[in-house]
Amino acid sequence: MIFKTASSRILRRITATPPHKSQIGVRFLGGQAASPLQESSVVEEEMEWENLGFGLEQTDYMYVMKCGEEDDEFEAGQLSRFGNIELNPAAGVLNYGQGVFEGTKAYRSGNGGLFLFRPRENAIRMQIGADRMCMQSPSVDQFIHAVKQTALANRRFIPPPGKGSLYIRPLLIGSGPVLGLAPSSEYTFLVYASPVGNYFKEGTAPISLYVEDEFHRAGRGGVGGVKSVTNYAPVLKAMKRAKDKGFSDVLYLDANNKRDIEEVSASNVFMLKDNVISTPPTNGTILEGITRKSIMDIAQDLGYQVEERSIPIEELLEADEVFCTGTAVSLAPVGSITYKGNRVEYKMSTELGCLKLHSRLVGIQRGEIEDSRGWLVQIE
């Protein structure tokens, strides 16, 4: 079979046995249960690591397990060939958006070691989100095991140091059928992966943000503070409108008074003024990012004063530096912000504080700088 990836690179896949539908969890179309130790029957052209963006590059395996309505725990999962899944049309995730997801990455070090970055934090955050969405969730150990197995089974897709990472997407969905508004009768936890490079098309260059004062990402009492699947489609309209005007992304204001900054579409935001790094508090409308938490710790290590507080948009425009953080984004410096038709540009140089933070973060993730906090989990 021939698959065309997001970057138009062609993988020629030679399969030893014909694909069939798996009997585990939801039904898989074109996949089969497999072991990570099983010799790969796939032949591919050399990966074009230099051209990786943030698009789906099909890998070999995904990991799946499920939990029934009467079960207290998820059953043991297993790896399956990556492929489509089949869901009942009445599945809770399709009808009522009952789903949460996570994003983490696997990195390759200079000596060939493979590492995950703070997967326990992802597991805990998924549990918090699942509780908010009335869902059964895997245990922390089950979550980490699934992520490890997915990374190892797709190890050949982990880029060399400095060329990118393997983005890993754990996904928890209400897969059981439900017609009336109610929790699903079954939950499926699956993990898939894709090698990625830079999130923004600008690469490592500064990004431009458009401040959105019409649409809002989240409101008080909602689910903006968890990684619900329902949080993301509503921002697409604002994103498209901004990108059509040439901006990289959208910065959202609080829904109450349209004054204080909250998040960018899929990342947290920081400002640096003098020696103080500030970021909005996670008060229920802002996702508590794992990269966000890590940068705050690293900033203190480097001698910065760090604070969580409300930041009016006018104050952000007067900052020395502004930058975004997230698993997908890593850390991206902001070159300009446009608010109510006025464009404010920030000075760029190789001596930016945010670049020092990014360098320290990446060094830890690749095993090049001592991990004094135990953030890394070595898997090979």
Protein backbone atom coordinates (compact mmCIF):
# COMPACT_ATOMS: atom_id res chain seq x y z
CA MET A 1 0.00 0.00 0.00
CA ILE A 2 1.13 3.59 -0.48
CA PHE A 3 0.43 6.38 1.99
CA LYS A 4 1.09 10.05 1.28
CA THR A 5 2.06 12.04 4.38
CA ALA A 6 1.45 15.68 5.25
CA SER A 7 4.79 16.68 3.71
CA SER A 8 4.02 14.71 0.52
CA ARG A 9 6.76 12.20 1.38
CA ILE A 10 5.80 8.74 0.16
CA LEU A 11 6.20 5.65 2.32
CA ARG A 12 6.03 2.32 0.54
CA ARG A 13 4.64 -0.23 2.95
CA ILE A 14 5.07 -3.93 2.36
CA THR A 15 2.88 -6.01 4.64
CA ALA A 16 3.64 -9.67 5.34
CA THR A 17 0.03 -10.56 6.16
CA PRO A 18 -3.19 -8.98 4.90
CA PRO A 19 -4.75 -6.42 7.25
CA HIS A 20 -7.80 -7.39 9.25
CA LYS A 21 -10.05 -5.92 11.90
CA SER A 22 -8.77 -6.14 15.44
CA GLN A 23 -11.03 -7.57 18.11
CA ILE A 24 -9.93 -5.20 20.87
CA GLY A 25 -11.77 -2.08 21.96
CA VAL A 26 -13.25 -0.24 19.04
CA ARG A 27 -12.86 -1.90 15.68
CA PHE A 28 -9.78 -1.13 13.64
CA LEU A 29 -9.90 -0.87 9.89
CA GLY A 30 -6.66 -1.88 8.27
CA GLY A 31 -4.81 -2.68 11.52
CA GLN A 32 -3.78 -5.75 13.48
CA ALA A 33 -2.56 -6.44 16.98
CA ALA A 34 1.23 -6.51 17.12
CA SER A 35 4.16 -6.71 19.49
CA PRO A 36 6.81 -3.97 19.74
CA LEU A 37 9.38 -6.76 19.48
CA GLN A 38 7.89 -7.97 16.23
CA GLU A 39 10.23 -7.37 13.31
CA SER A 40 8.89 -4.53 11.18
CA SER A 41 7.69 -5.56 7.73
CA VAL A 42 7.84 -2.00 6.50
CA VAL A 43 10.37 -0.69 4.01
CA GLU A 44 10.62 3.10 3.66
CA GLU A 45 12.64 5.72 1.95
CA GLU A 46 15.01 7.73 4.13
CA MET A 47 13.16 10.12 6.42
CA GLU A 48 13.50 13.78 5.47
CA TRP A 49 14.17 15.04 8.99
CA GLU A 50 15.08 18.54 7.80
CA ASN A 51 11.62 19.05 6.31
CA LEU A 52 9.53 18.00 9.30
CA GLY A 53 6.76 20.40 10.21
CA PHE A 54 3.88 19.81 12.57
CA GLY A 55 1.76 17.53 10.43
CA LEU A 56 0.73 13.90 10.69
CA GLU A 57 3.41 11.52 9.49
CA GLN A 58 2.05 8.01 9.65
CA THR A 59 3.98 5.69 11.98
CA ASP A 60 3.73 1.93 12.49
CA TYR A 61 1.83 1.32 15.73
CA MET A 62 -0.77 2.65 18.11
CA TYR A 63 -1.73 1.42 21.57
CA VAL A 64 -5.32 0.71 22.61
CA MET A 65 -7.25 -0.33 25.70
CA LYS A 66 -10.85 0.06 26.85
CA CYS A 67 -13.10 0.23 29.88
CA GLY A 68 -16.74 -0.90 29.98
CA GLU A 69 -19.59 0.84 31.78
CA GLU A 70 -19.53 -1.59 34.71
CA ASP A 71 -15.73 -1.73 34.97
CA ASP A 72 -13.75 0.21 37.54
CA GLU A 73 -10.48 -0.10 35.66
CA PHE A 74 -9.23 -0.28 32.10
CA GLU A 75 -8.36 -3.74 30.86
CA ALA A 76 -4.83 -4.52 29.70
CA GLY A 77 -4.09 -2.84 26.39
CA GLN A 78 -2.00 -3.84 23.44
CA LEU A 79 -0.27 -2.45 20.40
CA SER A 80 -1.99 -2.54 17.04
CA ARG A 81 -0.91 -1.52 13.58
CA PHE A 82 -1.77 2.13 13.04
CA GLY A 83 -5.05 2.38 11.16
CA ASN A 84 -8.55 3.77 11.09
CA ILE A 85 -11.02 2.98 13.85
CA GLU A 86 -14.74 2.30 13.60
CA LEU A 87 -17.17 3.93 16.04
CA ASN A 88 -20.89 3.55 16.62
CA PRO A 89 -22.67 6.63 15.19
CA ALA A 90 -24.11 7.20 18.68
CA ALA A 91 -20.69 7.20 20.38
CA GLY A 92 -20.50 9.75 23.17
CA VAL A 93 -17.46 11.47 21.67
CA LEU A 94 -19.20 11.97 18.31
CA ASN A 95 -22.51 13.24 19.68
CA TYR A 96 -21.60 15.07 22.86
CA GLY A 97 -17.86 15.71 22.61
CA GLN A 98 -17.00 13.43 25.53
CA GLY A 99 -13.26 13.20 25.09
CA VAL A 100 -9.95 14.49 26.43
CA PHE A 101 -6.44 14.21 25.07
CA GLU A 102 -2.84 14.86 25.95
CA GLY A 103 0.35 15.70 24.12
CA THR A 104 3.84 14.61 25.08
CA LYS A 105 7.08 13.91 23.24
CA ALA A 106 9.87 11.36 23.01
CA TYR A 107 13.40 12.65 22.39
CA ARG A 108 16.62 11.05 21.18
CA SER A 109 19.82 12.03 22.97
CA GLY A 110 23.25 12.39 21.46
CA ASN A 111 24.31 8.98 22.75
CA GLY A 112 21.22 7.28 21.31
CA GLY A 113 19.13 7.16 24.49
CA LEU A 114 15.37 7.68 24.24
CA PHE A 115 13.54 9.85 26.77
CA LEU A 116 10.04 10.97 27.67
CA PHE A 117 9.54 14.35 29.33
CA ARG A 118 7.37 14.41 32.45
CA PRO A 119 4.77 11.83 31.31
CA ARG A 120 3.42 11.51 34.86
CA GLU A 121 2.20 15.11 34.66
CA ASN A 122 0.30 14.26 31.48
CA ALA A 123 -1.26 11.22 33.14
CA ILE A 124 -2.44 13.25 36.11
CA ARG A 125 -3.79 16.02 33.90
CA MET A 126 -5.77 13.48 31.86
CA GLN A 127 -7.30 12.11 35.04
CA ILE A 128 -8.35 15.60 36.11
CA GLY A 129 -9.86 16.26 32.69
CA ALA A 130 -11.62 12.90 32.60
CA ASP A 131 -13.17 13.56 36.00
CA ARG A 132 -14.49 16.92 34.75
CA MET A 133 -15.99 15.20 31.69
CA CYS A 134 -17.49 12.27 33.71
CA MET A 135 -15.19 9.69 32.15
CA GLN A 136 -13.29 6.66 33.37
CA SER A 137 -9.56 7.20 32.98
CA PRO A 138 -6.47 4.97 32.94
CA SER A 139 -4.25 4.88 36.00
CA VAL A 140 -1.00 6.83 35.99
CA ASP A 141 0.96 3.59 35.55
CA GLN A 142 -1.28 2.44 32.69
CA PHE A 143 -0.91 5.80 30.98
CA ILE A 144 2.88 5.86 31.23
CA HIS A 145 3.15 2.22 30.13
CA ALA A 146 1.03 2.93 27.06
CA VAL A 147 3.10 5.98 26.13
CA LYS A 148 6.36 4.04 26.58
CA GLN A 149 5.14 1.16 24.43
CA THR A 150 3.98 3.50 21.69
CA ALA A 151 7.32 5.33 21.66
CA LEU A 152 9.36 2.13 21.60
CA ALA A 153 7.24 0.52 18.90
CA ASN A 154 7.74 3.62 16.74
CA ARG A 155 11.35 4.29 17.78
CA ARG A 156 12.60 4.50 14.22
CA PHE A 157 10.47 7.61 13.77
CA ILE A 158 12.15 9.49 16.64
CA PRO A 159 14.29 12.13 14.89
CA PRO A 160 18.01 12.57 15.55
CA PRO A 161 18.96 15.17 18.18
CA GLY A 162 18.16 18.67 17.00
CA LYS A 163 15.94 17.46 14.13
CA GLY A 164 12.65 17.22 16.01
CA SER A 165 10.87 14.78 18.29
CA LEU A 166 8.21 12.09 18.30
CA TYR A 167 4.94 13.77 19.26
CA ILE A 168 2.75 11.33 21.19
CA ARG A 169 -1.01 11.85 21.41
CA PRO A 170 -2.85 9.94 24.18
CA LEU A 171 -6.58 10.16 23.47
CA LEU A 172 -9.48 9.17 25.76
CA ILE A 173 -12.92 9.02 24.16
CA GLY A 174 -16.44 8.01 25.01
CA SER A 175 -16.71 5.19 22.47
CA GLY A 176 -19.92 3.57 23.72
CA PRO A 177 -23.31 4.44 22.16
CA VAL A 178 -25.58 6.87 23.99
CA LEU A 179 -28.62 8.66 22.57
CA GLY A 180 -29.83 10.79 25.45
CA LEU A 181 -27.39 13.23 27.06
CA ALA A 182 -25.47 11.01 29.50
CA PRO A 183 -21.99 9.59 30.05
CA SER A 184 -20.85 7.00 27.53
CA SER A 185 -21.27 3.28 28.17
CA GLU A 186 -17.66 2.50 27.17
CA TYR A 187 -14.36 4.37 27.06
CA THR A 188 -11.43 3.79 24.74
CA PHE A 189 -7.91 4.99 25.47
CA LEU A 190 -5.58 5.03 22.50
CA VAL A 191 -2.12 6.44 21.87
CA TYR A 192 -0.61 7.27 18.51
CA ALA A 193 2.49 9.16 17.44
CA SER A 194 4.02 11.25 14.68
CA PRO A 195 7.51 12.69 14.15
CA VAL A 196 7.35 16.49 14.22
CA GLY A 197 9.49 19.56 13.78
CA ASN A 198 8.52 23.15 14.53
CA TYR A 199 4.87 23.91 15.26
CA PHE A 200 4.74 27.29 13.52
CA LYS A 201 5.54 27.74 9.84
CA GLU A 202 8.00 30.45 10.90
CA GLY A 203 10.19 27.70 12.34
CA THR A 204 12.34 29.21 15.08
CA ALA A 205 11.68 32.77 13.88
CA PRO A 206 9.53 35.09 16.03
CA ILE A 207 5.78 34.70 15.61
CA SER A 208 3.09 37.37 15.22
CA LEU A 209 -0.06 37.36 17.36
CA TYR A 210 -3.46 38.92 16.77
CA VAL A 211 -5.46 39.84 19.88
CA GLU A 212 -8.99 38.52 19.55
CA ASP A 213 -11.66 40.65 21.23
CA GLU A 214 -14.77 39.16 19.63
CA PHE A 215 -14.45 35.40 20.15
CA HIS A 216 -13.41 33.78 23.44
CA ARG A 217 -11.59 30.53 24.10
CA ALA A 218 -13.16 29.81 27.50
CA GLY A 219 -15.37 31.19 30.24
CA ARG A 220 -15.53 30.84 34.01
CA GLY A 221 -17.06 27.54 35.10
CA GLY A 222 -16.39 25.90 31.74
CA VAL A 223 -13.73 23.42 30.70
CA GLY A 224 -10.96 25.79 29.59
CA GLY A 225 -8.72 24.48 32.34
CA VAL A 226 -8.75 20.87 31.09
CA LYS A 227 -7.67 19.39 27.76
CA SER A 228 -11.15 18.60 26.50
CA VAL A 229 -11.61 17.98 22.78
CA THR A 230 -14.41 20.55 22.91
CA ASN A 231 -11.97 23.40 23.56
CA TYR A 232 -10.29 23.42 20.20
CA ALA A 233 -12.77 23.48 17.30
CA PRO A 234 -14.35 26.73 18.61
CA VAL A 235 -11.04 28.60 18.13
CA LEU A 236 -10.66 27.58 14.49
CA LYS A 237 -12.74 30.45 13.14
CA ALA A 238 -10.67 33.06 14.96
CA MET A 239 -7.44 31.29 13.94
CA LYS A 240 -8.43 31.16 10.30
CA ARG A 241 -9.39 34.81 10.31
CA ALA A 242 -6.04 35.76 11.86
CA LYS A 243 -3.97 33.55 9.57
CA ASP A 244 -5.77 34.88 6.52
CA LYS A 245 -4.44 38.28 7.58
CA GLY A 246 -0.89 36.94 7.87
CA PHE A 247 -0.70 36.37 11.64
CA SER A 248 0.78 33.24 13.22
CA ASP A 249 -1.87 32.75 15.89
CA VAL A 250 -4.47 34.34 18.15
CA LEU A 251 -4.13 35.68 21.69
CA TYR A 252 -7.39 35.52 23.66
CA LEU A 253 -8.66 37.85 26.37
CA ASP A 254 -10.77 36.94 29.37
CA ALA A 255 -14.47 36.60 28.58
CA ASN A 256 -15.63 38.75 31.52
CA ASN A 257 -14.11 42.14 30.76
CA LYS A 258 -12.03 41.56 27.60
CA ARG A 259 -9.02 43.09 29.29
CA ASP A 260 -6.71 40.44 30.76
CA ILE A 261 -4.74 38.07 28.54
CA GLU A 262 -5.40 34.33 28.82
CA GLU A 263 -3.95 31.94 26.23
CA VAL A 264 -2.87 31.62 22.66
CA SER A 265 -4.92 29.01 20.73
CA ALA A 266 -2.85 26.02 21.86
CA SER A 267 -0.19 27.46 24.16
CA ASN A 268 0.41 29.48 27.30
CA VAL A 269 1.80 33.00 27.17
CA PHE A 270 4.50 34.78 29.23
CA MET A 271 5.93 38.27 29.42
CA LEU A 272 9.35 39.43 30.62
CA LYS A 273 9.85 42.92 32.06
CA ASP A 274 13.24 43.76 33.57
CA ASN A 275 14.02 40.60 35.58
CA VAL A 276 10.42 39.53 36.22
CA ILE A 277 8.66 36.81 34.24
CA SER A 278 4.87 36.90 34.50
CA THR A 279 2.11 34.60 33.25
CA PRO A 280 -1.65 34.50 33.86
CA PRO A 281 -2.84 32.21 36.68
CA THR A 282 -4.58 28.92 35.87
CA ASN A 283 -7.95 29.85 37.35
CA GLY A 284 -10.14 27.42 35.43
CA THR A 285 -10.08 29.09 32.02
CA ILE A 286 -6.39 28.51 31.28
CA LEU A 287 -4.78 25.11 30.76
CA GLU A 288 -2.06 24.30 33.25
CA GLY A 289 0.61 23.54 30.70
CA ILE A 290 3.42 21.15 31.56
CA THR A 291 5.92 23.15 29.52
CA ARG A 292 4.58 26.24 31.32
CA LYS A 293 5.35 24.69 34.71
CA SER A 294 8.79 23.60 33.54
CA ILE A 295 9.71 27.04 32.20
CA MET A 296 8.67 28.65 35.48
CA ASP A 297 11.03 26.33 37.39
CA ILE A 298 13.86 26.87 34.91
CA ALA A 299 13.39 30.64 35.06
CA GLN A 300 13.84 30.59 38.83
CA ASP A 301 16.97 28.47 38.40
CA LEU A 302 18.36 31.14 36.07
CA GLY A 303 17.72 33.92 38.57
CA TYR A 304 14.45 35.39 37.30
CA GLN A 305 11.60 36.39 39.56
CA VAL A 306 8.50 34.46 38.48
CA GLU A 307 4.91 35.44 39.20
CA GLU A 308 1.42 34.29 38.28
CA ARG A 309 -1.03 37.18 38.09
CA SER A 310 -3.60 38.86 35.90
CA ILE A 311 -1.95 40.75 33.04
CA PRO A 312 -3.91 43.49 31.24
CA ILE A 313 -3.33 43.53 27.50
CA GLU A 314 -1.97 47.09 27.74
CA GLU A 315 0.78 45.89 30.08
CA LEU A 316 1.70 43.03 27.78
CA LEU A 317 2.22 45.51 24.97
CA GLU A 318 4.85 47.30 27.09
CA ALA A 319 6.83 44.15 27.96
CA ASP A 320 10.49 43.66 27.05
CA GLU A 321 9.76 40.17 25.73
CA VAL A 322 6.70 38.00 25.11
CA PHE A 323 6.83 34.27 24.41
CA CYS A 324 4.55 31.22 24.17
CA THR A 325 5.06 27.74 25.61
CA GLY A 326 3.49 24.35 25.04
CA THR A 327 4.34 20.74 24.25
CA ALA A 328 3.79 21.24 20.54
CA VAL A 329 5.22 24.78 20.46
CA SER A 330 8.06 24.18 22.96
CA LEU A 331 8.96 27.88 23.34
CA ALA A 332 8.30 30.47 20.66
CA PRO A 333 9.37 34.13 20.92
CA VAL A 334 6.74 36.68 19.90
CA GLY A 335 7.94 39.30 17.44
CA SER A 336 4.78 41.38 17.29
CA ILE A 337 1.27 41.72 18.72
CA THR A 338 -1.58 43.51 16.97
CA TYR A 339 -4.42 44.88 19.11
CA LYS A 340 -7.27 47.01 17.80
CA GLY A 341 -5.33 47.79 14.65
CA ASN A 342 -2.13 48.83 16.43
CA ARG A 343 0.96 46.68 15.93
CA VAL A 344 3.60 46.52 18.64
CA GLU A 345 6.96 44.99 17.77
CA TYR A 346 9.44 43.52 20.25
CA LYS A 347 13.19 43.74 19.91
CA MET A 348 14.82 40.53 18.77
CA SER A 349 18.37 39.40 19.48
CA THR A 350 20.36 36.27 20.28
CA GLU A 351 20.52 37.44 23.90
CA LEU A 352 16.79 37.21 24.61
CA GLY A 353 15.91 35.80 28.01
CA CYS A 354 13.34 33.47 26.48
CA LEU A 355 16.00 31.92 24.24
CA LYS A 356 18.09 31.12 27.30
CA LEU A 357 15.05 29.45 28.87
CA HIS A 358 14.44 27.48 25.69
CA SER A 359 18.04 26.37 25.47
CA ARG A 360 17.95 25.06 29.03
CA LEU A 361 14.63 23.28 28.46
CA VAL A 362 15.78 21.58 25.26
CA GLY A 363 19.09 20.63 26.84
CA ILE A 364 17.27 18.82 29.64
CA GLN A 365 14.85 17.12 27.25
CA ARG A 366 17.70 15.76 25.14
CA GLY A 367 19.72 14.59 28.13
CA GLU A 368 22.47 17.15 27.49
CA ILE A 369 21.93 19.10 30.74
CA GLU A 370 21.61 17.51 34.16
CA ASP A 371 18.02 16.68 35.03
CA SER A 372 18.09 17.63 38.71
CA ARG A 373 14.30 17.34 39.14
CA GLY A 374 13.78 13.89 37.68
CA TRP A 375 11.70 15.12 34.75
CA LEU A 376 13.09 12.62 32.23
CA VAL A 377 11.97 9.02 31.91
CA GLN A 378 14.49 6.95 29.96
CA ILE A 379 12.83 4.26 27.88
CA GLU A 380 15.85 2.91 26.02
